[in-house]
Amino acid sequence: MSLFTNDLSTINECFGDGTLMLVDAIAMTGLAIYKMSRLDSFLTVLAFIPMILLFVVGSFVGKFMTKKWEERQEKFSELSDFTQENFSGIAVIKAFVKEFKELWAFKKLCKENEDANVEYTKYSVMLHIFVTLFVESVICVILGYGGYLVYKDTLNAGELMKFIGLFNSVIWPFMAVS
């Protein structure tokens, strides 16, 4: 029952917000890359080579995170099943004076559920920090080479800021996939 409840909300989110976000990401990414390449094609390539690497690494890490998510869901399912069974059989538990035993078993399942959630959250936060650090380093590269282009009068400062703004609009689809 717990998996059904959690999966139902995930499916709703996927087909509701997910479809809208996918169309938005494809359209916005395509237009932003087009505008960026019109400003400076080499700078665009320089910005997206690391992003492609992030995309590839994100695909592999995504499989690991999916495994951790499934472990988390399994622990929650075990906890929910145990709770439902105990509520259904409360008369039998009381009749055989097994409250203390069931309480300890419940405590053990709660600890396992907590550990699975903490582990998933720890890896999720580390992934988010890594992706943010990586993206910010790409922005530093853009600023470095873009500053050189401004110095050489190939690009003006406003166009560089426009380029960085367009790059920022493209970042979230890459971050979402990774």
Protein backbone atom coordinates (compact mmCIF):
# COMPACT_ATOMS: atom_id res chain seq x y z
CA MET A 1 0.00 0.00 0.00
CA SER A 2 2.83 2.41 0.85
CA LEU A 3 4.54 1.76 -2.48
CA PHE A 4 1.25 2.35 -4.28
CA THR A 5 0.76 5.65 -2.48
CA ASN A 6 4.32 6.87 -3.12
CA ASP A 7 4.40 5.59 -6.71
CA LEU A 8 1.08 7.23 -7.47
CA SER A 9 2.36 10.64 -6.41
CA THR A 10 5.56 10.07 -8.42
CA ILE A 11 3.59 9.15 -11.53
CA ASN A 12 1.35 12.17 -11.06
CA GLU A 13 4.39 14.42 -10.74
CA CYS A 14 6.04 12.83 -13.78
CA PHE A 15 3.09 13.17 -16.13
CA GLY A 16 1.87 16.47 -14.72
CA ASP A 17 4.85 18.70 -14.02
CA GLY A 18 7.37 16.43 -15.75
CA THR A 19 5.81 16.71 -19.20
CA LEU A 20 5.56 20.48 -18.93
CA MET A 21 9.14 20.75 -17.71
CA LEU A 22 10.40 18.48 -20.52
CA VAL A 23 8.80 20.58 -23.25
CA ASP A 24 10.00 23.77 -21.57
CA ALA A 25 13.54 22.42 -21.21
CA ILE A 26 13.78 21.30 -24.84
CA ALA A 27 12.44 24.58 -26.22
CA MET A 28 14.41 26.82 -23.87
CA THR A 29 17.64 24.85 -24.32
CA GLY A 30 17.38 24.87 -28.10
CA LEU A 31 16.70 28.59 -28.31
CA ALA A 32 19.36 29.49 -25.75
CA ILE A 33 22.03 27.42 -27.51
CA TYR A 34 21.09 29.05 -30.82
CA LYS A 35 21.38 32.55 -29.33
CA MET A 36 24.64 31.65 -27.57
CA SER A 37 26.19 30.33 -30.78
CA ARG A 38 25.21 33.54 -32.56
CA LEU A 39 27.10 35.55 -29.93
CA ASP A 40 30.27 33.40 -30.08
CA SER A 41 30.35 29.81 -31.33
CA PHE A 42 33.72 28.90 -29.78
CA LEU A 43 32.63 30.14 -26.37
CA THR A 44 29.45 28.08 -26.74
CA VAL A 45 31.43 24.93 -27.52
CA LEU A 46 33.81 25.71 -24.66
CA ALA A 47 30.84 26.02 -22.28
CA PHE A 48 29.09 22.83 -23.38
CA ILE A 49 31.97 20.37 -23.52
CA PRO A 50 32.01 20.16 -19.68
CA MET A 51 28.21 20.06 -19.61
CA ILE A 52 28.22 17.00 -21.89
CA LEU A 53 30.67 15.38 -19.47
CA LEU A 54 28.29 16.24 -16.62
CA PHE A 55 25.43 14.68 -18.58
CA VAL A 56 27.37 11.43 -19.11
CA VAL A 57 28.54 11.21 -15.49
CA GLY A 58 25.02 12.06 -14.34
CA SER A 59 23.64 9.09 -16.26
CA PHE A 60 25.89 6.71 -14.35
CA VAL A 61 25.32 8.36 -10.99
CA GLY A 62 21.58 8.35 -11.69
CA LYS A 63 21.58 4.55 -11.71
CA PHE A 64 23.28 4.53 -8.31
CA MET A 65 20.78 7.05 -6.95
CA THR A 66 17.89 4.99 -8.32
CA LYS A 67 19.22 1.97 -6.42
CA LYS A 68 19.41 4.03 -3.21
CA TRP A 69 15.87 5.33 -3.82
CA GLU A 70 14.58 1.77 -4.22
CA GLU A 71 16.31 0.71 -0.98
CA ARG A 72 14.67 3.66 0.75
CA GLN A 73 11.26 2.71 -0.65
CA GLU A 74 11.75 -0.93 0.41
CA LYS A 75 12.51 0.06 4.02
CA PHE A 76 9.44 2.30 4.08
CA SER A 77 7.36 -0.54 2.69
CA GLU A 78 8.62 -2.94 5.37
CA LEU A 79 7.78 -0.41 8.07
CA SER A 80 4.29 0.18 6.67
CA ASP A 81 3.59 -3.54 6.29
CA PHE A 82 4.72 -4.24 9.85
CA THR A 83 2.55 -1.44 11.20
CA GLN A 84 -0.51 -2.59 9.25
CA GLU A 85 -0.05 -6.20 10.36
CA ASN A 86 0.29 -5.18 14.01
CA PHE A 87 -2.81 -3.01 13.93
CA SER A 88 -4.74 -5.85 12.32
CA GLY A 89 -3.53 -8.39 14.87
CA ILE A 90 -3.55 -6.19 17.97
CA ALA A 91 -5.89 -8.59 19.79
CA VAL A 92 -3.53 -11.54 19.21
CA ILE A 93 -0.50 -9.52 20.30
CA LYS A 94 -2.27 -8.51 23.51
CA ALA A 95 -3.55 -12.03 24.12
CA PHE A 96 -0.03 -13.49 24.03
CA VAL A 97 1.53 -10.46 25.79
CA LYS A 98 3.91 -9.72 22.90
CA GLU A 99 3.69 -5.92 23.05
CA PHE A 100 7.31 -5.48 24.14
CA LYS A 101 8.63 -7.82 21.42
CA GLU A 102 6.61 -6.02 18.73
CA LEU A 103 7.71 -2.64 20.05
CA TRP A 104 11.38 -3.63 19.71
CA ALA A 105 10.78 -5.00 16.22
CA PHE A 106 9.05 -1.74 15.28
CA LYS A 107 11.94 0.27 16.73
CA LYS A 108 14.41 -1.78 14.64
CA LEU A 109 12.38 -1.18 11.45
CA CYS A 110 12.16 2.56 12.22
CA LYS A 111 15.95 2.71 12.64
CA GLU A 112 16.50 0.88 9.32
CA ASN A 113 14.05 3.25 7.61
CA GLU A 114 15.82 6.25 9.13
CA ASP A 115 19.25 4.95 8.06
CA ALA A 116 18.06 4.39 4.49
CA ASN A 117 16.61 7.92 4.35
CA VAL A 118 19.73 9.51 5.83
CA GLU A 119 21.98 7.59 3.41
CA TYR A 120 19.88 8.60 0.40
CA THR A 121 19.79 12.23 1.54
CA LYS A 122 23.55 12.25 2.12
CA TYR A 123 24.28 11.00 -1.40
CA SER A 124 21.67 13.33 -2.89
CA VAL A 125 23.20 16.38 -1.19
CA MET A 126 26.73 15.35 -2.21
CA LEU A 127 25.56 14.98 -5.81
CA HIS A 128 23.89 18.40 -5.71
CA ILE A 129 27.05 20.00 -4.31
CA PHE A 130 29.22 18.33 -6.96
CA VAL A 131 26.92 19.43 -9.80
CA THR A 132 26.73 23.00 -8.48
CA LEU A 133 30.51 23.18 -8.08
CA PHE A 134 31.00 21.83 -11.59
CA VAL A 135 28.53 24.30 -13.13
CA GLU A 136 30.05 27.23 -11.29
CA SER A 137 33.50 26.23 -12.53
CA VAL A 138 32.13 26.27 -16.10
CA ILE A 139 30.83 29.80 -15.47
CA CYS A 140 34.35 30.74 -14.32
CA VAL A 141 35.72 29.42 -17.62
CA ILE A 142 33.11 31.44 -19.51
CA LEU A 143 34.05 34.54 -17.53
CA GLY A 144 37.75 33.94 -18.14
CA TYR A 145 37.55 33.40 -21.89
CA GLY A 146 34.69 35.88 -22.27
CA GLY A 147 36.73 38.49 -20.40
CA TYR A 148 39.56 37.87 -22.84
CA LEU A 149 37.12 38.38 -25.75
CA VAL A 150 35.90 41.63 -24.17
CA TYR A 151 39.51 42.74 -23.77
CA LYS A 152 40.15 41.99 -27.47
CA ASP A 153 36.92 43.86 -28.46
CA THR A 154 35.46 40.73 -30.05
CA LEU A 155 32.59 40.81 -27.57
CA ASN A 156 31.32 43.61 -25.40
CA ALA A 157 30.55 43.33 -21.68
CA GLY A 158 26.79 43.38 -22.26
CA GLU A 159 27.01 40.49 -24.71
CA LEU A 160 29.10 38.53 -22.20
CA MET A 161 26.46 39.09 -19.53
CA LYS A 162 23.78 38.04 -22.02
CA PHE A 163 25.79 34.88 -22.79
CA ILE A 164 26.06 34.04 -19.08
CA GLY A 165 22.32 34.64 -18.65
CA LEU A 166 21.56 32.31 -21.55
CA PHE A 167 23.94 29.71 -20.12
CA ASN A 168 22.16 29.95 -16.76
CA SER A 169 18.84 29.26 -18.49
CA VAL A 170 20.31 26.09 -20.00
CA ILE A 171 21.84 24.84 -16.76
CA TRP A 172 18.71 23.50 -15.03
CA PRO A 173 17.86 20.89 -17.69
CA PHE A 174 21.42 19.54 -17.46
CA MET A 175 21.27 19.61 -13.65
CA ALA A 176 17.89 17.86 -13.66
CA VAL A 177 19.19 15.04 -15.85
CA SER A 178 22.44 14.72 -13.93
